[in-house]
mmCIF file of all heavy atoms, coordinates in Angstrom:
data_MODEL
# 
_entry.id   MODEL 
# 
loop_
_atom_site.group_PDB 
_atom_site.id 
_atom_site.type_symbol 
_atom_site.label_atom_id 
_atom_site.label_alt_id 
_atom_site.label_comp_id 
_atom_site.label_asym_id 
_atom_site.label_entity_id 
_atom_site.label_seq_id 
_atom_site.pdbx_PDB_ins_code 
_atom_site.Cartn_x 
_atom_site.Cartn_y 
_atom_site.Cartn_z 
_atom_site.occupancy 
_atom_site.B_iso_or_equiv 
_atom_site.pdbx_formal_charge 
_atom_site.auth_seq_id 
_atom_site.auth_comp_id 
_atom_site.auth_asym_id 
_atom_site.auth_atom_id 
_atom_site.pdbx_PDB_model_num 
ATOM 1   N N   . GLN A 1 1  ? -13.418 18.139  20.594 1.00 0.00 ? 1  GLN A N   1 
ATOM 2   C CA  . GLN A 1 1  ? -12.841 17.330  19.530 1.00 0.00 ? 1  GLN A CA  1 
ATOM 3   C C   . GLN A 1 1  ? -11.981 16.217  20.116 1.00 0.00 ? 1  GLN A C   1 
ATOM 4   O O   . GLN A 1 1  ? -11.321 16.394  21.135 1.00 0.00 ? 1  GLN A O   1 
ATOM 5   C CB  . GLN A 1 1  ? -11.945 18.176  18.612 1.00 0.00 ? 1  GLN A CB  1 
ATOM 6   C CG  . GLN A 1 1  ? -12.690 19.147  17.719 1.00 0.00 ? 1  GLN A CG  1 
ATOM 7   C CD  . GLN A 1 1  ? -11.730 19.892  16.804 1.00 0.00 ? 1  GLN A CD  1 
ATOM 8   O OE1 . GLN A 1 1  ? -10.550 20.046  17.114 1.00 0.00 ? 1  GLN A OE1 1 
ATOM 9   N NE2 . GLN A 1 1  ? -12.227 20.348  15.675 1.00 0.00 ? 1  GLN A NE2 1 
ATOM 10  N N   . TYR A 1 2  ? -12.016 15.051  19.447 1.00 0.00 ? 2  TYR A N   1 
ATOM 11  C CA  . TYR A 1 2  ? -11.010 14.017  19.674 1.00 0.00 ? 2  TYR A CA  1 
ATOM 12  C C   . TYR A 1 2  ? -10.737 13.411  18.309 1.00 0.00 ? 2  TYR A C   1 
ATOM 13  O O   . TYR A 1 2  ? -11.606 12.768  17.711 1.00 0.00 ? 2  TYR A O   1 
ATOM 14  C CB  . TYR A 1 2  ? -11.472 12.954  20.667 1.00 0.00 ? 2  TYR A CB  1 
ATOM 15  C CG  . TYR A 1 2  ? -10.338 12.012  21.030 1.00 0.00 ? 2  TYR A CG  1 
ATOM 16  C CD1 . TYR A 1 2  ? -9.467  12.327  22.057 1.00 0.00 ? 2  TYR A CD1 1 
ATOM 17  C CD2 . TYR A 1 2  ? -10.122 10.846  20.300 1.00 0.00 ? 2  TYR A CD2 1 
ATOM 18  C CE1 . TYR A 1 2  ? -8.399  11.498  22.369 1.00 0.00 ? 2  TYR A CE1 1 
ATOM 19  C CE2 . TYR A 1 2  ? -9.059  10.012  20.606 1.00 0.00 ? 2  TYR A CE2 1 
ATOM 20  C CZ  . TYR A 1 2  ? -8.200  10.344  21.638 1.00 0.00 ? 2  TYR A CZ  1 
ATOM 21  O OH  . TYR A 1 2  ? -7.130  9.524   21.929 1.00 0.00 ? 2  TYR A OH  1 
ATOM 22  N N   . LEU A 1 3  ? -9.525  13.663  17.788 1.00 0.00 ? 3  LEU A N   1 
ATOM 23  C CA  . LEU A 1 3  ? -9.228  13.369  16.384 1.00 0.00 ? 3  LEU A CA  1 
ATOM 24  C C   . LEU A 1 3  ? -8.328  12.145  16.242 1.00 0.00 ? 3  LEU A C   1 
ATOM 25  O O   . LEU A 1 3  ? -7.421  11.927  17.044 1.00 0.00 ? 3  LEU A O   1 
ATOM 26  C CB  . LEU A 1 3  ? -8.541  14.575  15.731 1.00 0.00 ? 3  LEU A CB  1 
ATOM 27  C CG  . LEU A 1 3  ? -9.262  15.921  15.869 1.00 0.00 ? 3  LEU A CG  1 
ATOM 28  C CD1 . LEU A 1 3  ? -8.454  17.030  15.206 1.00 0.00 ? 3  LEU A CD1 1 
ATOM 29  C CD2 . LEU A 1 3  ? -10.665 15.848  15.266 1.00 0.00 ? 3  LEU A CD2 1 
ATOM 30  N N   . PHE A 1 4  ? -8.599  11.364  15.190 1.00 0.00 ? 4  PHE A N   1 
ATOM 31  C CA  . PHE A 1 4  ? -7.750  10.221  14.852 1.00 0.00 ? 4  PHE A CA  1 
ATOM 32  C C   . PHE A 1 4  ? -7.660  10.121  13.341 1.00 0.00 ? 4  PHE A C   1 
ATOM 33  O O   . PHE A 1 4  ? -8.656  10.282  12.636 1.00 0.00 ? 4  PHE A O   1 
ATOM 34  C CB  . PHE A 1 4  ? -8.307  8.920   15.426 1.00 0.00 ? 4  PHE A CB  1 
ATOM 35  C CG  . PHE A 1 4  ? -7.317  7.787   15.406 1.00 0.00 ? 4  PHE A CG  1 
ATOM 36  C CD1 . PHE A 1 4  ? -6.479  7.556   16.486 1.00 0.00 ? 4  PHE A CD1 1 
ATOM 37  C CD2 . PHE A 1 4  ? -7.199  6.975   14.287 1.00 0.00 ? 4  PHE A CD2 1 
ATOM 38  C CE1 . PHE A 1 4  ? -5.551  6.521   16.460 1.00 0.00 ? 4  PHE A CE1 1 
ATOM 39  C CE2 . PHE A 1 4  ? -6.276  5.938   14.254 1.00 0.00 ? 4  PHE A CE2 1 
ATOM 40  C CZ  . PHE A 1 4  ? -5.444  5.713   15.348 1.00 0.00 ? 4  PHE A CZ  1 
ATOM 41  N N   . THR A 1 5  ? -6.431  9.828   12.837 1.00 0.00 ? 5  THR A N   1 
ATOM 42  C CA  . THR A 1 5  ? -6.155  9.898   11.400 1.00 0.00 ? 5  THR A CA  1 
ATOM 43  C C   . THR A 1 5  ? -5.571  8.587   10.881 1.00 0.00 ? 5  THR A C   1 
ATOM 44  O O   . THR A 1 5  ? -4.761  7.946   11.561 1.00 0.00 ? 5  THR A O   1 
ATOM 45  C CB  . THR A 1 5  ? -5.157  11.032  11.108 1.00 0.00 ? 5  THR A CB  1 
ATOM 46  O OG1 . THR A 1 5  ? -5.699  12.267  11.607 1.00 0.00 ? 5  THR A OG1 1 
ATOM 47  C CG2 . THR A 1 5  ? -4.880  11.166  9.621  1.00 0.00 ? 5  THR A CG2 1 
ATOM 48  N N   . SER A 1 6  ? -5.955  8.208   9.671  1.00 0.00 ? 6  SER A N   1 
ATOM 49  C CA  . SER A 1 6  ? -5.352  7.079   8.954  1.00 0.00 ? 6  SER A CA  1 
ATOM 50  C C   . SER A 1 6  ? -5.059  7.499   7.521  1.00 0.00 ? 6  SER A C   1 
ATOM 51  O O   . SER A 1 6  ? -5.764  8.340   6.958  1.00 0.00 ? 6  SER A O   1 
ATOM 52  C CB  . SER A 1 6  ? -6.280  5.864   8.939  1.00 0.00 ? 6  SER A CB  1 
ATOM 53  O OG  . SER A 1 6  ? -6.512  5.373   10.242 1.00 0.00 ? 6  SER A OG  1 
ATOM 54  N N   . GLU A 1 7  ? -4.013  6.903   6.942  1.00 0.00 ? 7  GLU A N   1 
ATOM 55  C CA  . GLU A 1 7  ? -3.675  7.179   5.543  1.00 0.00 ? 7  GLU A CA  1 
ATOM 56  C C   . GLU A 1 7  ? -3.744  5.900   4.715  1.00 0.00 ? 7  GLU A C   1 
ATOM 57  O O   . GLU A 1 7  ? -3.698  4.787   5.254  1.00 0.00 ? 7  GLU A O   1 
ATOM 58  C CB  . GLU A 1 7  ? -2.263  7.784   5.417  1.00 0.00 ? 7  GLU A CB  1 
ATOM 59  C CG  . GLU A 1 7  ? -1.146  6.791   5.647  1.00 0.00 ? 7  GLU A CG  1 
ATOM 60  C CD  . GLU A 1 7  ? 0.161   7.159   4.947  1.00 0.00 ? 7  GLU A CD  1 
ATOM 61  O OE1 . GLU A 1 7  ? 0.163   8.042   4.073  1.00 0.00 ? 7  GLU A OE1 1 
ATOM 62  O OE2 . GLU A 1 7  ? 1.170   6.523   5.274  1.00 0.00 ? 7  GLU A OE2 1 
ATOM 63  N N   . VAL A 1 8  ? -3.844  6.074   3.404  1.00 0.00 ? 8  VAL A N   1 
ATOM 64  C CA  . VAL A 1 8  ? -3.858  4.963   2.449  1.00 0.00 ? 8  VAL A CA  1 
ATOM 65  C C   . VAL A 1 8  ? -3.050  5.394   1.228  1.00 0.00 ? 8  VAL A C   1 
ATOM 66  O O   . VAL A 1 8  ? -3.034  6.586   0.870  1.00 0.00 ? 8  VAL A O   1 
ATOM 67  C CB  . VAL A 1 8  ? -5.306  4.608   2.035  1.00 0.00 ? 8  VAL A CB  1 
ATOM 68  C CG1 . VAL A 1 8  ? -5.329  3.689   0.831  1.00 0.00 ? 8  VAL A CG1 1 
ATOM 69  C CG2 . VAL A 1 8  ? -6.036  3.946   3.198  1.00 0.00 ? 8  VAL A CG2 1 
ATOM 70  N N   . VAL A 1 9  ? -2.364  4.432   0.605  1.00 0.00 ? 9  VAL A N   1 
ATOM 71  C CA  . VAL A 1 9  ? -1.687  4.703   -0.663 1.00 0.00 ? 9  VAL A CA  1 
ATOM 72  C C   . VAL A 1 9  ? -2.275  3.789   -1.740 1.00 0.00 ? 9  VAL A C   1 
ATOM 73  O O   . VAL A 1 9  ? -2.709  2.679   -1.452 1.00 0.00 ? 9  VAL A O   1 
ATOM 74  C CB  . VAL A 1 9  ? -0.158  4.510   -0.569 1.00 0.00 ? 9  VAL A CB  1 
ATOM 75  C CG1 . VAL A 1 9  ? 0.433   5.447   0.473  1.00 0.00 ? 9  VAL A CG1 1 
ATOM 76  C CG2 . VAL A 1 9  ? 0.217   3.065   -0.260 1.00 0.00 ? 9  VAL A CG2 1 
ATOM 77  N N   . SER A 1 10 ? -2.268  4.256   -2.964 1.00 0.00 ? 10 SER A N   1 
ATOM 78  C CA  . SER A 1 10 ? -2.815  3.482   -4.078 1.00 0.00 ? 10 SER A CA  1 
ATOM 79  C C   . SER A 1 10 ? -1.805  2.444   -4.557 1.00 0.00 ? 10 SER A C   1 
ATOM 80  O O   . SER A 1 10 ? -0.616  2.488   -4.192 1.00 0.00 ? 10 SER A O   1 
ATOM 81  C CB  . SER A 1 10 ? -3.145  4.429   -5.239 1.00 0.00 ? 10 SER A CB  1 
ATOM 82  O OG  . SER A 1 10 ? -1.935  4.855   -5.857 1.00 0.00 ? 10 SER A OG  1 
ATOM 83  N N   . PRO A 1 11 ? -2.233  1.509   -5.425 1.00 0.00 ? 11 PRO A N   1 
ATOM 84  C CA  . PRO A 1 11 ? -1.301  0.533   -5.996 1.00 0.00 ? 11 PRO A CA  1 
ATOM 85  C C   . PRO A 1 11 ? -0.134  1.172   -6.736 1.00 0.00 ? 11 PRO A C   1 
ATOM 86  O O   . PRO A 1 11 ? 0.928   0.544   -6.883 1.00 0.00 ? 11 PRO A O   1 
ATOM 87  C CB  . PRO A 1 11 ? -2.182  -0.271  -6.955 1.00 0.00 ? 11 PRO A CB  1 
ATOM 88  C CG  . PRO A 1 11 ? -3.544  -0.198  -6.351 1.00 0.00 ? 11 PRO A CG  1 
ATOM 89  C CD  . PRO A 1 11 ? -3.633  1.200   -5.783 1.00 0.00 ? 11 PRO A CD  1 
ATOM 90  N N   . GLY A 1 12 ? -0.283  2.422   -7.196 1.00 0.00 ? 12 GLY A N   1 
ATOM 91  C CA  . GLY A 1 12 ? 0.785   3.076   -7.934 1.00 0.00 ? 12 GLY A CA  1 
ATOM 92  C C   . GLY A 1 12 ? 1.895   3.645   -7.077 1.00 0.00 ? 12 GLY A C   1 
ATOM 93  O O   . GLY A 1 12 ? 2.923   4.087   -7.595 1.00 0.00 ? 12 GLY A O   1 
ATOM 94  N N   . HIS A 1 13 ? 1.711   3.662   -5.743 1.00 0.00 ? 13 HIS A N   1 
ATOM 95  C CA  . HIS A 1 13 ? 2.781   4.118   -4.859 1.00 0.00 ? 13 HIS A CA  1 
ATOM 96  C C   . HIS A 1 13 ? 3.948   3.131   -4.946 1.00 0.00 ? 13 HIS A C   1 
ATOM 97  O O   . HIS A 1 13 ? 3.736   1.920   -4.998 1.00 0.00 ? 13 HIS A O   1 
ATOM 98  C CB  . HIS A 1 13 ? 2.255   4.213   -3.430 1.00 0.00 ? 13 HIS A CB  1 
ATOM 99  C CG  . HIS A 1 13 ? 3.231   4.803   -2.464 1.00 0.00 ? 13 HIS A CG  1 
ATOM 100 N ND1 . HIS A 1 13 ? 4.284   4.066   -1.937 1.00 0.00 ? 13 HIS A ND1 1 
ATOM 101 C CD2 . HIS A 1 13 ? 3.340   6.047   -1.937 1.00 0.00 ? 13 HIS A CD2 1 
ATOM 102 C CE1 . HIS A 1 13 ? 4.983   4.826   -1.119 1.00 0.00 ? 13 HIS A CE1 1 
ATOM 103 N NE2 . HIS A 1 13 ? 4.426   6.043   -1.106 1.00 0.00 ? 13 HIS A NE2 1 
ATOM 104 N N   . PRO A 1 14 ? 5.194   3.598   -4.971 1.00 0.00 ? 14 PRO A N   1 
ATOM 105 C CA  . PRO A 1 14 ? 6.340   2.684   -5.145 1.00 0.00 ? 14 PRO A CA  1 
ATOM 106 C C   . PRO A 1 14 ? 6.398   1.546   -4.133 1.00 0.00 ? 14 PRO A C   1 
ATOM 107 O O   . PRO A 1 14 ? 6.767   0.418   -4.488 1.00 0.00 ? 14 PRO A O   1 
ATOM 108 C CB  . PRO A 1 14 ? 7.547   3.616   -5.020 1.00 0.00 ? 14 PRO A CB  1 
ATOM 109 C CG  . PRO A 1 14 ? 7.043   4.928   -5.513 1.00 0.00 ? 14 PRO A CG  1 
ATOM 110 C CD  . PRO A 1 14 ? 5.622   5.006   -5.046 1.00 0.00 ? 14 PRO A CD  1 
ATOM 111 N N   . ASP A 1 15 ? 6.051   1.795   -2.866 1.00 0.00 ? 15 ASP A N   1 
ATOM 112 C CA  . ASP A 1 15 ? 6.032   0.704   -1.886 1.00 0.00 ? 15 ASP A CA  1 
ATOM 113 C C   . ASP A 1 15 ? 5.004   -0.352  -2.269 1.00 0.00 ? 15 ASP A C   1 
ATOM 114 O O   . ASP A 1 15 ? 5.239   -1.557  -2.139 1.00 0.00 ? 15 ASP A O   1 
ATOM 115 C CB  . ASP A 1 15 ? 5.715   1.232   -0.485 1.00 0.00 ? 15 ASP A CB  1 
ATOM 116 C CG  . ASP A 1 15 ? 6.869   2.020   0.125  1.00 0.00 ? 15 ASP A CG  1 
ATOM 117 O OD1 . ASP A 1 15 ? 8.030   1.759   -0.240 1.00 0.00 ? 15 ASP A OD1 1 
ATOM 118 O OD2 . ASP A 1 15 ? 6.601   2.895   0.966  1.00 0.00 ? 15 ASP A OD2 1 
ATOM 119 N N   . LYS A 1 16 ? 3.847   0.098   -2.728 1.00 0.00 ? 16 LYS A N   1 
ATOM 120 C CA  . LYS A 1 16 ? 2.817   -0.857  -3.148 1.00 0.00 ? 16 LYS A CA  1 
ATOM 121 C C   . LYS A 1 16 ? 3.225   -1.581  -4.427 1.00 0.00 ? 16 LYS A C   1 
ATOM 122 O O   . LYS A 1 16 ? 2.907   -2.762  -4.603 1.00 0.00 ? 16 LYS A O   1 
ATOM 123 C CB  . LYS A 1 16 ? 1.484   -0.142  -3.353 1.00 0.00 ? 16 LYS A CB  1 
ATOM 124 C CG  . LYS A 1 16 ? 0.750   0.197   -2.090 1.00 0.00 ? 16 LYS A CG  1 
ATOM 125 C CD  . LYS A 1 16 ? 0.092   -1.023  -1.440 1.00 0.00 ? 16 LYS A CD  1 
ATOM 126 C CE  . LYS A 1 16 ? 0.938   -1.622  -0.360 1.00 0.00 ? 16 LYS A CE  1 
ATOM 127 N NZ  . LYS A 1 16 ? 0.523   -2.959  0.050  1.00 0.00 ? 16 LYS A NZ  1 
ATOM 128 N N   . CYS A 1 17 ? 3.921   -0.892  -5.320 1.00 0.00 ? 17 CYS A N   1 
ATOM 129 C CA  . CYS A 1 17 ? 4.444   -1.567  -6.517 1.00 0.00 ? 17 CYS A CA  1 
ATOM 130 C C   . CYS A 1 17 ? 5.334   -2.733  -6.115 1.00 0.00 ? 17 CYS A C   1 
ATOM 131 O O   . CYS A 1 17 ? 5.246   -3.832  -6.680 1.00 0.00 ? 17 CYS A O   1 
ATOM 132 C CB  . CYS A 1 17 ? 5.233   -0.586  -7.389 1.00 0.00 ? 17 CYS A CB  1 
ATOM 133 S SG  . CYS A 1 17 ? 4.227   0.652   -8.232 1.00 0.00 ? 17 CYS A SG  1 
ATOM 134 N N   . ALA A 1 18 ? 6.190   -2.501  -5.116 1.00 0.00 ? 18 ALA A N   1 
ATOM 135 C CA  . ALA A 1 18 ? 7.083   -3.560  -4.633 1.00 0.00 ? 18 ALA A CA  1 
ATOM 136 C C   . ALA A 1 18 ? 6.273   -4.717  -4.058 1.00 0.00 ? 18 ALA A C   1 
ATOM 137 O O   . ALA A 1 18 ? 6.556   -5.892  -4.339 1.00 0.00 ? 18 ALA A O   1 
ATOM 138 C CB  . ALA A 1 18 ? 8.048   -2.996  -3.594 1.00 0.00 ? 18 ALA A CB  1 
ATOM 139 N N   . ASP A 1 19 ? 5.252   -4.412  -3.255 1.00 0.00 ? 19 ASP A N   1 
ATOM 140 C CA  . ASP A 1 19 ? 4.403   -5.457  -2.684 1.00 0.00 ? 19 ASP A CA  1 
ATOM 141 C C   . ASP A 1 19 ? 3.698   -6.256  -3.780 1.00 0.00 ? 19 ASP A C   1 
ATOM 142 O O   . ASP A 1 19 ? 3.623   -7.491  -3.721 1.00 0.00 ? 19 ASP A O   1 
ATOM 143 C CB  . ASP A 1 19 ? 3.339   -4.831  -1.778 1.00 0.00 ? 19 ASP A CB  1 
ATOM 144 C CG  . ASP A 1 19 ? 3.889   -4.315  -0.464 1.00 0.00 ? 19 ASP A CG  1 
ATOM 145 O OD1 . ASP A 1 19 ? 4.971   -4.775  -0.044 1.00 0.00 ? 19 ASP A OD1 1 
ATOM 146 O OD2 . ASP A 1 19 ? 3.236   -3.450  0.156  1.00 0.00 ? 19 ASP A OD2 1 
ATOM 147 N N   . ILE A 1 20 ? 3.154   -5.563  -4.751 1.00 0.00 ? 20 ILE A N   1 
ATOM 148 C CA  . ILE A 1 20 ? 2.384   -6.224  -5.813 1.00 0.00 ? 20 ILE A CA  1 
ATOM 149 C C   . ILE A 1 20 ? 3.278   -7.099  -6.684 1.00 0.00 ? 20 ILE A C   1 
ATOM 150 O O   . ILE A 1 20 ? 2.909   -8.222  -7.046 1.00 0.00 ? 20 ILE A O   1 
ATOM 151 C CB  . ILE A 1 20 ? 1.632   -5.167  -6.651 1.00 0.00 ? 20 ILE A CB  1 
ATOM 152 C CG1 . ILE A 1 20 ? 0.549   -4.502  -5.794 1.00 0.00 ? 20 ILE A CG1 1 
ATOM 153 C CG2 . ILE A 1 20 ? 1.014   -5.793  -7.897 1.00 0.00 ? 20 ILE A CG2 1 
ATOM 154 C CD1 . ILE A 1 20 ? -0.003  -3.215  -6.376 1.00 0.00 ? 20 ILE A CD1 1 
ATOM 155 N N   . ILE A 1 21 ? 4.467   -6.615  -7.013 1.00 0.00 ? 21 ILE A N   1 
ATOM 156 C CA  . ILE A 1 21 ? 5.414   -7.435  -7.785 1.00 0.00 ? 21 ILE A CA  1 
ATOM 157 C C   . ILE A 1 21 ? 5.790   -8.684  -6.994 1.00 0.00 ? 21 ILE A C   1 
ATOM 158 O O   . ILE A 1 21 ? 5.789   -9.807  -7.518 1.00 0.00 ? 21 ILE A O   1 
ATOM 159 C CB  . ILE A 1 21 ? 6.665   -6.618  -8.142 1.00 0.00 ? 21 ILE A CB  1 
ATOM 160 C CG1 . ILE A 1 21 ? 6.326   -5.534  -9.163 1.00 0.00 ? 21 ILE A CG1 1 
ATOM 161 C CG2 . ILE A 1 21 ? 7.769   -7.532  -8.694 1.00 0.00 ? 21 ILE A CG2 1 
ATOM 162 C CD1 . ILE A 1 21 ? 7.426   -4.502  -9.354 1.00 0.00 ? 21 ILE A CD1 1 
ATOM 163 N N   . ALA A 1 22 ? 6.101   -8.494  -5.700 1.00 0.00 ? 22 ALA A N   1 
ATOM 164 C CA  . ALA A 1 22 ? 6.486   -9.631  -4.857 1.00 0.00 ? 22 ALA A CA  1 
ATOM 165 C C   . ALA A 1 22 ? 5.376   -10.673 -4.798 1.00 0.00 ? 22 ALA A C   1 
ATOM 166 O O   . ALA A 1 22 ? 5.625   -11.884 -4.909 1.00 0.00 ? 22 ALA A O   1 
ATOM 167 C CB  . ALA A 1 22 ? 6.841   -9.148  -3.453 1.00 0.00 ? 22 ALA A CB  1 
ATOM 168 N N   . ASP A 1 23 ? 4.141   -10.218 -4.640 1.00 0.00 ? 23 ASP A N   1 
ATOM 169 C CA  . ASP A 1 23 ? 3.042   -11.175 -4.540 1.00 0.00 ? 23 ASP A CA  1 
ATOM 170 C C   . ASP A 1 23 ? 2.620   -11.728 -5.893 1.00 0.00 ? 23 ASP A C   1 
ATOM 171 O O   . ASP A 1 23 ? 2.001   -12.797 -5.962 1.00 0.00 ? 23 ASP A O   1 
ATOM 172 C CB  . ASP A 1 23 ? 1.862   -10.534 -3.810 1.00 0.00 ? 23 ASP A CB  1 
ATOM 173 C CG  . ASP A 1 23 ? 2.029   -10.618 -2.297 1.00 0.00 ? 23 ASP A CG  1 
ATOM 174 O OD1 . ASP A 1 23 ? 2.853   -11.435 -1.842 1.00 0.00 ? 23 ASP A OD1 1 
ATOM 175 O OD2 . ASP A 1 23 ? 1.339   -9.875  -1.570 1.00 0.00 ? 23 ASP A OD2 1 
ATOM 176 N N   . SER A 1 24 ? 2.942   -11.050 -6.967 1.00 0.00 ? 24 SER A N   1 
ATOM 177 C CA  . SER A 1 24 ? 2.744   -11.632 -8.296 1.00 0.00 ? 24 SER A CA  1 
ATOM 178 C C   . SER A 1 24 ? 3.657   -12.844 -8.471 1.00 0.00 ? 24 SER A C   1 
ATOM 179 O O   . SER A 1 24 ? 3.276   -13.847 -9.089 1.00 0.00 ? 24 SER A O   1 
ATOM 180 C CB  . SER A 1 24 ? 3.040   -10.592 -9.384 1.00 0.00 ? 24 SER A CB  1 
ATOM 181 O OG  . SER A 1 24 ? 2.130   -9.513  -9.330 1.00 0.00 ? 24 SER A OG  1 
ATOM 182 N N   . ILE A 1 25 ? 4.851   -12.756 -7.910 1.00 0.00 ? 25 ILE A N   1 
ATOM 183 C CA  . ILE A 1 25 ? 5.780   -13.899 -7.923 1.00 0.00 ? 25 ILE A CA  1 
ATOM 184 C C   . ILE A 1 25 ? 5.242   -15.028 -7.051 1.00 0.00 ? 25 ILE A C   1 
ATOM 185 O O   . ILE A 1 25 ? 5.256   -16.203 -7.442 1.00 0.00 ? 25 ILE A O   1 
ATOM 186 C CB  . ILE A 1 25 ? 7.180   -13.447 -7.458 1.00 0.00 ? 25 ILE A CB  1 
ATOM 187 C CG1 . ILE A 1 25 ? 7.782   -12.470 -8.465 1.00 0.00 ? 25 ILE A CG1 1 
ATOM 188 C CG2 . ILE A 1 25 ? 8.104   -14.656 -7.262 1.00 0.00 ? 25 ILE A CG2 1 
ATOM 189 C CD1 . ILE A 1 25 ? 9.021   -11.760 -7.973 1.00 0.00 ? 25 ILE A CD1 1 
ATOM 190 N N   . VAL A 1 26 ? 4.740   -14.674 -5.854 1.00 0.00 ? 26 VAL A N   1 
ATOM 191 C CA  . VAL A 1 26 ? 4.140   -15.681 -4.961 1.00 0.00 ? 26 VAL A CA  1 
ATOM 192 C C   . VAL A 1 26 ? 2.995   -16.398 -5.675 1.00 0.00 ? 26 VAL A C   1 
ATOM 193 O O   . VAL A 1 26 ? 2.908   -17.637 -5.660 1.00 0.00 ? 26 VAL A O   1 
ATOM 194 C CB  . VAL A 1 26 ? 3.646   -15.029 -3.654 1.00 0.00 ? 26 VAL A CB  1 
ATOM 195 C CG1 . VAL A 1 26 ? 2.845   -16.027 -2.823 1.00 0.00 ? 26 VAL A CG1 1 
ATOM 196 C CG2 . VAL A 1 26 ? 4.820   -14.493 -2.836 1.00 0.00 ? 26 VAL A CG2 1 
ATOM 197 N N   . ASP A 1 27 ? 2.114   -15.647 -6.329 1.00 0.00 ? 27 ASP A N   1 
ATOM 198 C CA  . ASP A 1 27 ? 0.997   -16.240 -7.067 1.00 0.00 ? 27 ASP A CA  1 
ATOM 199 C C   . ASP A 1 27 ? 1.491   -17.223 -8.122 1.00 0.00 ? 27 ASP A C   1 
ATOM 200 O O   . ASP A 1 27 ? 1.015   -18.360 -8.204 1.00 0.00 ? 27 ASP A O   1 
ATOM 201 C CB  . ASP A 1 27 ? 0.163   -15.147 -7.746 1.00 0.00 ? 27 ASP A CB  1 
ATOM 202 C CG  . ASP A 1 27 ? -0.744  -14.400 -6.795 1.00 0.00 ? 27 ASP A CG  1 
ATOM 203 O OD1 . ASP A 1 27 ? -1.230  -15.013 -5.836 1.00 0.00 ? 27 ASP A OD1 1 
ATOM 204 O OD2 . ASP A 1 27 ? -0.958  -13.188 -7.015 1.00 0.00 ? 27 ASP A OD2 1 
# 
């Protein structure tokens, strides 16, 4: 075995909410 892991969060995650709000302002 040689293992490697990555994670993802959905738009509903609070950090992503902050990103989306910020970029809604940029838009």
